[in-house]
Amino acid sequence: MARTQPGPRERLLTAAQQLSYQQGVNVGVDALLSAANVARRSLYEHFGGKDGLIAEVLRRAAAEDLDRYRSAIAAAGDDPRKRLLAVFDMLDEVVSAPDFRGCRYLSADLALADPAHPAHAVTREYRQALHELLAPEVKRLGLPRPAHVTDQLMLLIEGTLATGAARHTSRPARDARELAQGILG
């Protein structure tokens, strides 16, 4: 049976996910079209334009990233403290990868000045979903002010990703893990 090539929609998503991570969300339309080997018409038919494509790329990446967090938490057993600390072990691997370019959600938020850009809704949804993934584990620990503790963990996660992009030789996830240990008791 002959193997079929991905269609224009999938090629656009794949090219945009790679290029927008490597070069930022302001990557040119011509570069996206060239990398995907599609006509400009395909971009507008499938996504309504570049803004829609970028939002969909972020949505797809968010699903993948949230799955990575879920897997790290699940692999750590049943103890909620170990499950939360496993997030920072996973982040250490992510940030240490040679192709790591930082947090795509923070980068998008900073690069897209228009507050009405559809990507901003996706980045907010992603952060909310991650917060909701961590919150039950924090609650299981019985700590006072669990929502505040979850916010602190989110700050450590985002700080790890930002620092990892800015200082490639550091290991910020290890430092963040140590801080998380103090927060989690």
N, C-alpha and C. Protein backbone atom coordinates (compact mmCIF):
# COMPACT_ATOMS: atom_id res chain seq x y z
N MET A 1 0.84 -1.18 0.00
CA MET A 1 0.00 0.00 0.00
C MET A 1 0.89 1.25 0.00
N ALA A 2 0.56 2.21 -0.81
CA ALA A 2 1.34 3.44 -0.93
C ALA A 2 1.13 4.32 0.29
N ARG A 3 2.19 4.92 0.70
CA ARG A 3 2.13 5.82 1.85
C ARG A 3 1.71 7.21 1.35
N THR A 4 0.72 7.79 2.00
CA THR A 4 0.25 9.09 1.56
C THR A 4 0.98 10.19 2.33
N GLN A 5 1.20 11.29 1.63
CA GLN A 5 1.82 12.45 2.24
C GLN A 5 0.78 13.21 3.04
N PRO A 6 1.21 13.89 4.09
CA PRO A 6 0.25 14.73 4.83
C PRO A 6 -0.32 15.80 3.91
N GLY A 7 -1.54 16.19 4.19
CA GLY A 7 -2.19 17.23 3.39
C GLY A 7 -1.65 18.61 3.74
N PRO A 8 -2.12 19.63 3.01
CA PRO A 8 -1.61 20.99 3.23
C PRO A 8 -1.84 21.50 4.65
N ARG A 9 -2.97 21.16 5.25
CA ARG A 9 -3.24 21.63 6.61
C ARG A 9 -2.20 21.10 7.59
N GLU A 10 -1.94 19.81 7.51
CA GLU A 10 -0.97 19.19 8.42
C GLU A 10 0.44 19.70 8.13
N ARG A 11 0.78 19.87 6.86
CA ARG A 11 2.11 20.40 6.52
C ARG A 11 2.29 21.82 7.05
N LEU A 12 1.25 22.63 6.95
CA LEU A 12 1.32 23.98 7.51
C LEU A 12 1.50 23.95 9.01
N LEU A 13 0.74 23.11 9.69
CA LEU A 13 0.87 23.01 11.15
C LEU A 13 2.27 22.56 11.56
N THR A 14 2.78 21.55 10.89
CA THR A 14 4.10 21.02 11.23
C THR A 14 5.18 22.07 10.99
N ALA A 15 5.13 22.72 9.82
CA ALA A 15 6.13 23.74 9.50
C ALA A 15 6.02 24.91 10.48
N ALA A 16 4.82 25.35 10.76
CA ALA A 16 4.64 26.49 11.66
C ALA A 16 5.04 26.15 13.09
N GLN A 17 4.77 24.94 13.53
CA GLN A 17 5.16 24.57 14.89
C GLN A 17 6.68 24.59 15.02
N GLN A 18 7.37 24.10 14.01
CA GLN A 18 8.84 24.09 14.04
C GLN A 18 9.41 25.49 13.88
N LEU A 19 8.99 26.21 12.86
CA LEU A 19 9.57 27.52 12.58
C LEU A 19 9.22 28.56 13.64
N SER A 20 7.99 28.52 14.14
CA SER A 20 7.62 29.51 15.15
C SER A 20 8.35 29.26 16.46
N TYR A 21 8.75 28.02 16.72
CA TYR A 21 9.54 27.76 17.91
C TYR A 21 11.00 28.20 17.70
N GLN A 22 11.53 27.93 16.52
CA GLN A 22 12.92 28.28 16.24
C GLN A 22 13.12 29.78 16.05
N GLN A 23 12.16 30.43 15.37
CA GLN A 23 12.34 31.83 14.97
C GLN A 23 11.38 32.79 15.65
N GLY A 24 10.40 32.27 16.36
CA GLY A 24 9.40 33.11 17.00
C GLY A 24 8.14 33.19 16.16
N VAL A 25 7.07 33.63 16.79
CA VAL A 25 5.77 33.66 16.11
C VAL A 25 5.69 34.71 15.01
N ASN A 26 6.64 35.60 14.94
CA ASN A 26 6.65 36.59 13.87
C ASN A 26 7.37 36.10 12.62
N VAL A 27 7.60 34.79 12.53
CA VAL A 27 8.19 34.20 11.33
C VAL A 27 7.33 34.61 10.13
N GLY A 28 7.98 34.84 9.01
CA GLY A 28 7.27 35.32 7.83
C GLY A 28 6.36 34.28 7.19
N VAL A 29 5.29 34.76 6.59
CA VAL A 29 4.34 33.88 5.91
C VAL A 29 5.04 33.14 4.77
N ASP A 30 5.88 33.83 4.02
CA ASP A 30 6.56 33.17 2.90
C ASP A 30 7.43 32.01 3.38
N ALA A 31 8.10 32.19 4.50
CA ALA A 31 8.92 31.10 5.05
C ALA A 31 8.05 29.92 5.46
N LEU A 32 6.90 30.20 6.05
CA LEU A 32 5.97 29.12 6.44
C LEU A 32 5.46 28.38 5.22
N LEU A 33 5.05 29.13 4.20
CA LEU A 33 4.52 28.50 2.98
C LEU A 33 5.59 27.68 2.28
N SER A 34 6.80 28.19 2.25
CA SER A 34 7.90 27.47 1.62
C SER A 34 8.22 26.18 2.37
N ALA A 35 8.32 26.26 3.68
CA ALA A 35 8.63 25.08 4.48
C ALA A 35 7.54 24.02 4.39
N ALA A 36 6.30 24.46 4.28
CA ALA A 36 5.17 23.52 4.19
C ALA A 36 4.92 23.07 2.76
N ASN A 37 5.53 23.77 1.81
CA ASN A 37 5.32 23.48 0.39
C ASN A 37 3.84 23.54 0.02
N VAL A 38 3.23 24.66 0.39
CA VAL A 38 1.82 24.88 0.08
C VAL A 38 1.64 26.28 -0.52
N ALA A 39 0.52 26.46 -1.17
CA ALA A 39 0.17 27.75 -1.72
C ALA A 39 -0.44 28.63 -0.63
N ARG A 40 -0.34 29.94 -0.81
CA ARG A 40 -0.90 30.91 0.13
C ARG A 40 -2.39 30.62 0.38
N ARG A 41 -3.08 30.20 -0.65
CA ARG A 41 -4.51 29.91 -0.54
C ARG A 41 -4.80 28.88 0.56
N SER A 42 -3.93 27.89 0.70
CA SER A 42 -4.12 26.85 1.73
C SER A 42 -4.11 27.45 3.13
N LEU A 43 -3.24 28.42 3.36
CA LEU A 43 -3.17 29.07 4.66
C LEU A 43 -4.52 29.70 5.00
N TYR A 44 -5.10 30.40 4.05
CA TYR A 44 -6.37 31.09 4.30
C TYR A 44 -7.55 30.13 4.34
N GLU A 45 -7.52 29.09 3.54
CA GLU A 45 -8.61 28.10 3.56
C GLU A 45 -8.67 27.35 4.87
N HIS A 46 -7.53 26.99 5.40
CA HIS A 46 -7.50 26.14 6.60
C HIS A 46 -7.48 26.93 7.90
N PHE A 47 -6.90 28.13 7.90
CA PHE A 47 -6.70 28.84 9.16
C PHE A 47 -7.20 30.29 9.15
N GLY A 48 -7.65 30.76 8.00
CA GLY A 48 -8.12 32.13 7.90
C GLY A 48 -7.00 33.15 7.86
N GLY A 49 -5.77 32.70 7.91
CA GLY A 49 -4.60 33.57 7.88
C GLY A 49 -3.56 33.12 8.89
N LYS A 50 -2.49 33.86 8.97
CA LYS A 50 -1.37 33.50 9.85
C LYS A 50 -1.77 33.51 11.32
N ASP A 51 -2.59 34.48 11.74
CA ASP A 51 -2.99 34.54 13.15
C ASP A 51 -3.69 33.25 13.58
N GLY A 52 -4.59 32.76 12.73
CA GLY A 52 -5.29 31.51 13.03
C GLY A 52 -4.34 30.32 13.06
N LEU A 53 -3.36 30.33 12.17
CA LEU A 53 -2.37 29.25 12.14
C LEU A 53 -1.54 29.26 13.42
N ILE A 54 -1.08 30.42 13.83
CA ILE A 54 -0.27 30.51 15.05
C ILE A 54 -1.08 30.05 16.26
N ALA A 55 -2.33 30.46 16.35
CA ALA A 55 -3.17 30.03 17.46
C ALA A 55 -3.34 28.52 17.46
N GLU A 56 -3.54 27.94 16.30
CA GLU A 56 -3.72 26.48 16.21
C GLU A 56 -2.42 25.75 16.55
N VAL A 57 -1.30 26.29 16.14
CA VAL A 57 0.00 25.70 16.48
C VAL A 57 0.18 25.69 18.00
N LEU A 58 -0.14 26.80 18.64
CA LEU A 58 -0.03 26.87 20.10
C LEU A 58 -0.98 25.89 20.78
N ARG A 59 -2.19 25.75 20.24
CA ARG A 59 -3.16 24.80 20.79
C ARG A 59 -2.63 23.37 20.70
N ARG A 60 -2.06 23.04 19.55
CA ARG A 60 -1.51 21.70 19.35
C ARG A 60 -0.30 21.46 20.26
N ALA A 61 0.58 22.44 20.36
CA ALA A 61 1.75 22.32 21.24
C ALA A 61 1.32 22.21 22.70
N ALA A 62 0.29 22.95 23.08
CA ALA A 62 -0.20 22.90 24.46
C ALA A 62 -0.69 21.51 24.81
N ALA A 63 -1.40 20.88 23.90
CA ALA A 63 -1.88 19.51 24.15
C ALA A 63 -0.69 18.57 24.35
N GLU A 64 0.33 18.72 23.52
CA GLU A 64 1.53 17.88 23.65
C GLU A 64 2.25 18.15 24.96
N ASP A 65 2.41 19.42 25.30
CA ASP A 65 3.12 19.78 26.54
C ASP A 65 2.37 19.32 27.78
N LEU A 66 1.06 19.49 27.78
CA LEU A 66 0.26 19.03 28.92
C LEU A 66 0.34 17.52 29.07
N ASP A 67 0.39 16.80 27.97
CA ASP A 67 0.58 15.34 28.03
C ASP A 67 1.93 15.00 28.65
N ARG A 68 2.95 15.79 28.32
CA ARG A 68 4.28 15.56 28.90
C ARG A 68 4.25 15.76 30.41
N TYR A 69 3.57 16.81 30.87
CA TYR A 69 3.42 17.05 32.31
C TYR A 69 2.64 15.90 32.96
N ARG A 70 1.55 15.50 32.34
CA ARG A 70 0.74 14.39 32.90
C ARG A 70 1.56 13.11 33.02
N SER A 71 2.35 12.83 32.01
CA SER A 71 3.18 11.62 32.03
C SER A 71 4.21 11.67 33.14
N ALA A 72 4.85 12.82 33.31
CA ALA A 72 5.85 12.96 34.37
C ALA A 72 5.21 12.78 35.73
N ILE A 73 4.05 13.36 35.94
CA ILE A 73 3.35 13.25 37.21
C ILE A 73 2.92 11.80 37.46
N ALA A 74 2.36 11.17 36.46
CA ALA A 74 1.87 9.79 36.61
C ALA A 74 3.02 8.81 36.88
N ALA A 75 4.15 9.05 36.25
CA ALA A 75 5.29 8.14 36.40
C ALA A 75 5.93 8.22 37.78
N ALA A 76 5.60 9.24 38.55
CA ALA A 76 6.23 9.46 39.85
C ALA A 76 5.55 8.72 41.00
N GLY A 77 4.54 7.91 40.70
CA GLY A 77 3.87 7.17 41.76
C GLY A 77 2.67 7.90 42.31
N ASP A 78 2.35 7.61 43.58
CA ASP A 78 1.12 8.15 44.16
C ASP A 78 1.34 9.31 45.12
N ASP A 79 2.56 9.48 45.61
CA ASP A 79 2.84 10.54 46.57
C ASP A 79 2.76 11.90 45.88
N PRO A 80 1.88 12.80 46.34
CA PRO A 80 1.70 14.07 45.64
C PRO A 80 2.96 14.94 45.62
N ARG A 81 3.74 14.88 46.66
CA ARG A 81 4.98 15.68 46.70
C ARG A 81 5.94 15.19 45.61
N LYS A 82 6.11 13.88 45.52
CA LYS A 82 7.00 13.32 44.48
C LYS A 82 6.46 13.61 43.09
N ARG A 83 5.14 13.57 42.96
CA ARG A 83 4.51 13.84 41.67
C ARG A 83 4.77 15.28 41.22
N LEU A 84 4.69 16.21 42.16
CA LEU A 84 4.94 17.62 41.82
C LEU A 84 6.42 17.86 41.54
N LEU A 85 7.29 17.26 42.31
CA LEU A 85 8.73 17.44 42.08
C LEU A 85 9.17 16.80 40.76
N ALA A 86 8.46 15.77 40.33
CA ALA A 86 8.78 15.13 39.05
C ALA A 86 8.63 16.09 37.88
N VAL A 87 7.77 17.09 38.05
CA VAL A 87 7.62 18.11 37.01
C VAL A 87 8.96 18.80 36.76
N PHE A 88 9.68 19.09 37.81
CA PHE A 88 10.95 19.80 37.67
C PHE A 88 12.05 18.88 37.13
N ASP A 89 11.95 17.58 37.43
CA ASP A 89 12.89 16.63 36.83
C ASP A 89 12.67 16.57 35.31
N MET A 90 11.40 16.54 34.90
CA MET A 90 11.08 16.54 33.48
C MET A 90 11.55 17.84 32.83
N LEU A 91 11.32 18.98 33.52
CA LEU A 91 11.75 20.26 32.97
C LEU A 91 13.27 20.33 32.83
N ASP A 92 14.00 19.67 33.72
CA ASP A 92 15.45 19.65 33.61
C ASP A 92 15.87 19.00 32.29
N GLU A 93 15.19 17.93 31.92
CA GLU A 93 15.48 17.28 30.64
C GLU A 93 15.12 18.19 29.47
N VAL A 94 13.97 18.82 29.56
CA VAL A 94 13.51 19.70 28.48
C VAL A 94 14.47 20.87 28.28
N VAL A 95 14.79 21.56 29.37
CA VAL A 95 15.62 22.76 29.30
C VAL A 95 17.06 22.42 28.91
N SER A 96 17.51 21.22 29.22
CA SER A 96 18.87 20.82 28.91
C SER A 96 19.03 20.34 27.47
N ALA A 97 17.95 20.14 26.76
CA ALA A 97 18.02 19.67 25.38
C ALA A 97 18.72 20.72 24.51
N PRO A 98 19.55 20.28 23.58
CA PRO A 98 20.30 21.25 22.76
C PRO A 98 19.41 22.15 21.89
N ASP A 99 18.21 21.70 21.58
CA ASP A 99 17.33 22.51 20.72
C ASP A 99 16.32 23.33 21.52
N PHE A 100 16.50 23.40 22.84
CA PHE A 100 15.56 24.15 23.67
C PHE A 100 15.66 25.64 23.36
N ARG A 101 14.50 26.27 23.11
CA ARG A 101 14.45 27.69 22.74
C ARG A 101 13.58 28.50 23.68
N GLY A 102 13.17 27.93 24.79
CA GLY A 102 12.35 28.67 25.74
C GLY A 102 10.89 28.28 25.69
N CYS A 103 10.11 29.01 26.42
CA CYS A 103 8.67 28.74 26.52
C CYS A 103 7.96 29.39 25.34
N ARG A 104 7.36 28.58 24.49
CA ARG A 104 6.70 29.12 23.30
C ARG A 104 5.51 30.00 23.66
N TYR A 105 4.89 29.77 24.82
CA TYR A 105 3.71 30.54 25.22
C TYR A 105 4.12 31.94 25.69
N LEU A 106 5.16 32.00 26.49
CA LEU A 106 5.68 33.29 26.93
C LEU A 106 6.22 34.07 25.73
N SER A 107 6.93 33.39 24.85
CA SER A 107 7.46 34.05 23.66
C SER A 107 6.34 34.63 22.81
N ALA A 108 5.27 33.88 22.63
CA ALA A 108 4.14 34.37 21.84
C ALA A 108 3.50 35.57 22.52
N ASP A 109 3.30 35.48 23.83
CA ASP A 109 2.68 36.60 24.55
C ASP A 109 3.52 37.87 24.43
N LEU A 110 4.82 37.73 24.48
CA LEU A 110 5.71 38.90 24.39
C LEU A 110 5.81 39.44 22.97
N ALA A 111 5.77 38.57 21.99
CA ALA A 111 5.96 38.99 20.60
C ALA A 111 4.71 39.58 19.97
N LEU A 112 3.54 39.19 20.44
CA LEU A 112 2.29 39.60 19.82
C LEU A 112 1.68 40.76 20.61
N ALA A 113 1.88 41.96 20.12
CA ALA A 113 1.45 43.16 20.85
C ALA A 113 -0.06 43.33 20.90
N ASP A 114 -0.77 42.83 19.91
CA ASP A 114 -2.22 43.01 19.86
C ASP A 114 -2.88 42.12 20.92
N PRO A 115 -3.50 42.71 21.94
CA PRO A 115 -4.12 41.89 22.99
C PRO A 115 -5.28 41.04 22.48
N ALA A 116 -5.80 41.38 21.30
CA ALA A 116 -6.91 40.60 20.73
C ALA A 116 -6.42 39.45 19.85
N HIS A 117 -5.12 39.29 19.70
CA HIS A 117 -4.60 38.19 18.88
C HIS A 117 -5.10 36.87 19.46
N PRO A 118 -5.60 35.97 18.62
CA PRO A 118 -6.16 34.71 19.14
C PRO A 118 -5.15 33.84 19.89
N ALA A 119 -3.88 34.06 19.69
CA ALA A 119 -2.87 33.27 20.40
C ALA A 119 -2.91 33.53 21.90
N HIS A 120 -3.26 34.75 22.29
CA HIS A 120 -3.29 35.06 23.73
C HIS A 120 -4.34 34.24 24.47
N ALA A 121 -5.46 33.98 23.85
CA ALA A 121 -6.48 33.13 24.48
C ALA A 121 -5.94 31.72 24.67
N VAL A 122 -5.20 31.24 23.69
CA VAL A 122 -4.63 29.89 23.78
C VAL A 122 -3.59 29.81 24.89
N THR A 123 -2.74 30.83 25.01
CA THR A 123 -1.72 30.78 26.06
C THR A 123 -2.36 30.85 27.45
N ARG A 124 -3.43 31.65 27.58
CA ARG A 124 -4.15 31.70 28.87
C ARG A 124 -4.77 30.34 29.19
N GLU A 125 -5.39 29.72 28.20
CA GLU A 125 -6.01 28.40 28.40
C GLU A 125 -4.96 27.36 28.79
N TYR A 126 -3.80 27.43 28.16
CA TYR A 126 -2.72 26.49 28.48
C TYR A 126 -2.28 26.65 29.93
N ARG A 127 -2.04 27.88 30.34
CA ARG A 127 -1.60 28.11 31.72
C ARG A 127 -2.67 27.68 32.72
N GLN A 128 -3.91 27.93 32.41
CA GLN A 128 -5.01 27.51 33.28
C GLN A 128 -5.07 25.99 33.38
N ALA A 129 -4.89 25.32 32.25
CA ALA A 129 -4.91 23.85 32.25
C ALA A 129 -3.75 23.28 33.06
N LEU A 130 -2.58 23.89 32.96
CA LEU A 130 -1.44 23.43 33.74
C LEU A 130 -1.69 23.68 35.23
N HIS A 131 -2.23 24.83 35.55
CA HIS A 131 -2.58 25.14 36.95
C HIS A 131 -3.55 24.09 37.48
N GLU A 132 -4.56 23.76 36.69
CA GLU A 132 -5.56 22.77 37.10
C GLU A 132 -4.97 21.36 37.21
N LEU A 133 -3.90 21.09 36.49
CA LEU A 133 -3.23 19.80 36.60
C LEU A 133 -2.45 19.70 37.91
N LEU A 134 -1.84 20.79 38.32
CA LEU A 134 -1.03 20.80 39.55
C LEU A 134 -1.88 20.93 40.81
N ALA A 135 -2.98 21.67 40.73
CA ALA A 135 -3.78 22.01 41.92
C ALA A 135 -4.24 20.80 42.73
N PRO A 136 -4.74 19.73 42.12
CA PRO A 136 -5.18 18.59 42.94
C PRO A 136 -4.04 17.94 43.73
N GLU A 137 -2.85 17.94 43.16
CA GLU A 137 -1.70 17.38 43.86
C GLU A 137 -1.34 18.24 45.07
N VAL A 138 -1.39 19.55 44.89
CA VAL A 138 -1.11 20.47 45.99
C VAL A 138 -2.16 20.28 47.08
N LYS A 139 -3.42 20.18 46.70
CA LYS A 139 -4.50 19.99 47.69
C LYS A 139 -4.30 18.71 48.48
N ARG A 140 -3.85 17.66 47.82
CA ARG A 140 -3.62 16.38 48.51
C ARG A 140 -2.57 16.50 49.60
N LEU A 141 -1.67 17.47 49.47
CA LEU A 141 -0.64 17.67 50.50
C LEU A 141 -1.21 18.30 51.76
N GLY A 142 -2.38 18.90 51.66
CA GLY A 142 -3.00 19.52 52.82
C GLY A 142 -2.32 20.80 53.27
N LEU A 143 -1.64 21.47 52.39
CA LEU A 143 -0.96 22.71 52.74
C LEU A 143 -1.97 23.85 52.86
N PRO A 144 -1.67 24.82 53.72
CA PRO A 144 -2.54 26.00 53.77
C PRO A 144 -2.40 26.77 52.45
N ARG A 145 -3.46 27.43 52.05
CA ARG A 145 -3.49 28.25 50.83
C ARG A 145 -3.02 27.48 49.59
N PRO A 146 -3.67 26.38 49.25
CA PRO A 146 -3.22 25.56 48.12
C PRO A 146 -3.21 26.31 46.78
N ALA A 147 -4.14 27.22 46.57
CA ALA A 147 -4.14 27.98 45.31
C ALA A 147 -2.88 28.84 45.21
N HIS A 148 -2.47 29.42 46.33
CA HIS A 148 -1.25 30.23 46.36
C HIS A 148 -0.01 29.36 46.09
N VAL A 149 0.02 28.19 46.68
CA VAL A 149 1.14 27.28 46.47
C VAL A 149 1.20 26.87 44.99
N THR A 150 0.05 26.61 44.40
CA THR A 150 0.01 26.25 42.98
C THR A 150 0.51 27.41 42.13
N ASP A 151 0.12 28.63 42.48
CA ASP A 151 0.63 29.81 41.77
C ASP A 151 2.15 29.91 41.88
N GLN A 152 2.68 29.60 43.05
CA GLN A 152 4.13 29.64 43.23
C GLN A 152 4.81 28.59 42.35
N LEU A 153 4.24 27.41 42.26
CA LEU A 153 4.80 26.37 41.40
C LEU A 153 4.77 26.81 39.93
N MET A 154 3.69 27.45 39.55
CA MET A 154 3.60 27.96 38.17
C MET A 154 4.70 28.98 37.90
N LEU A 155 4.95 29.84 38.87
CA LEU A 155 6.02 30.83 38.72
C LEU A 155 7.38 30.14 38.57
N LEU A 156 7.60 29.10 39.34
CA LEU A 156 8.86 28.35 39.23
C LEU A 156 8.97 27.67 37.86
N ILE A 157 7.88 27.14 37.36
CA ILE A 157 7.89 26.48 36.05
C ILE A 157 8.21 27.50 34.96
N GLU A 158 7.49 28.62 34.97
CA GLU A 158 7.73 29.61 33.93
C GLU A 158 9.12 30.24 34.06
N GLY A 159 9.57 30.43 35.28
CA GLY A 159 10.91 30.95 35.49
C GLY A 159 11.98 29.99 35.00
N THR A 160 11.75 28.71 35.20
CA THR A 160 12.68 27.69 34.71
C THR A 160 12.79 27.77 33.19
N LEU A 161 11.66 27.86 32.52
CA LEU A 161 11.66 27.89 31.06
C LEU A 161 12.31 29.17 30.52
N ALA A 162 12.03 30.30 31.16
CA ALA A 162 12.62 31.56 30.72
C ALA A 162 14.13 31.58 30.97
N THR A 163 14.54 31.14 32.15
CA THR A 163 15.97 31.14 32.48
C THR A 163 16.72 30.14 31.61
N GLY A 164 16.12 29.01 31.35
CA GLY A 164 16.76 28.01 30.50
C GLY A 164 17.03 28.53 29.10
N ALA A 165 16.15 29.39 28.61
CA ALA A 165 16.35 29.96 27.27
C ALA A 165 17.41 31.05 27.28
N ALA A 166 17.47 31.80 28.36
CA ALA A 166 18.39 32.94 28.43
C ALA A 166 19.82 32.53 28.81
N ARG A 167 19.93 31.49 29.62
CA ARG A 167 21.26 31.05 30.09
C ARG A 167 21.39 29.56 29.81
N HIS A 168 21.88 29.25 28.63
CA HIS A 168 21.91 27.87 28.16
C HIS A 168 22.81 26.95 28.98
N THR A 169 23.75 27.48 29.71
CA THR A 169 24.66 26.62 30.47
C THR A 169 24.19 26.36 31.89
N SER A 170 23.11 27.01 32.29
CA SER A 170 22.63 26.81 33.66
C SER A 170 21.67 25.62 33.72
N ARG A 171 21.33 25.20 34.90
CA ARG A 171 20.37 24.12 35.12
C ARG A 171 19.26 24.66 36.02
N PRO A 172 18.41 25.57 35.52
CA PRO A 172 17.43 26.24 36.36
C PRO A 172 16.38 25.30 36.94
N ALA A 173 16.11 24.20 36.29
CA ALA A 173 15.10 23.28 36.82
C ALA A 173 15.56 22.66 38.13
N ARG A 174 16.85 22.45 38.26
CA ARG A 174 17.37 21.91 39.51
C ARG A 174 17.19 22.90 40.66
N ASP A 175 17.47 24.18 40.36
CA ASP A 175 17.26 25.21 41.38
C ASP A 175 15.78 25.36 41.70
N ALA A 176 14.94 25.33 40.67
CA ALA A 176 13.50 25.45 40.87
C ALA A 176 12.97 24.26 41.68
N ARG A 177 13.52 23.08 41.44
CA ARG A 177 13.10 21.89 42.20
C ARG A 177 13.41 22.08 43.68
N GLU A 178 14.60 22.62 43.96
CA GLU A 178 14.98 22.86 45.35
C GLU A 178 14.04 23.87 46.01
N LEU A 179 13.68 24.93 45.27
CA LEU A 179 12.73 25.90 45.80
C LEU A 179 11.35 25.26 46.00
N ALA A 180 10.96 24.42 45.07
CA ALA A 180 9.67 23.73 45.18
C ALA A 180 9.65 22.83 46.41
N GLN A 181 10.75 22.18 46.70
CA GLN A 181 10.82 21.34 47.90
C GLN A 181 10.52 22.17 49.14
N GLY A 182 11.07 23.37 49.20
CA GLY A 182 10.82 24.25 50.34
C GLY A 182 9.36 24.68 50.41
N ILE A 183 8.78 24.95 49.27
CA ILE A 183 7.36 25.37 49.23
C ILE A 183 6.45 24.22 49.64
N LEU A 184 6.79 23.01 49.19
CA LEU A 184 5.91 21.86 49.43
C LEU A 184 6.11 21.22 50.79
N GLY A 185 7.14 21.63 51.50
CA GLY A 185 7.38 21.12 52.84
C GLY A 185 8.03 19.78 52.90
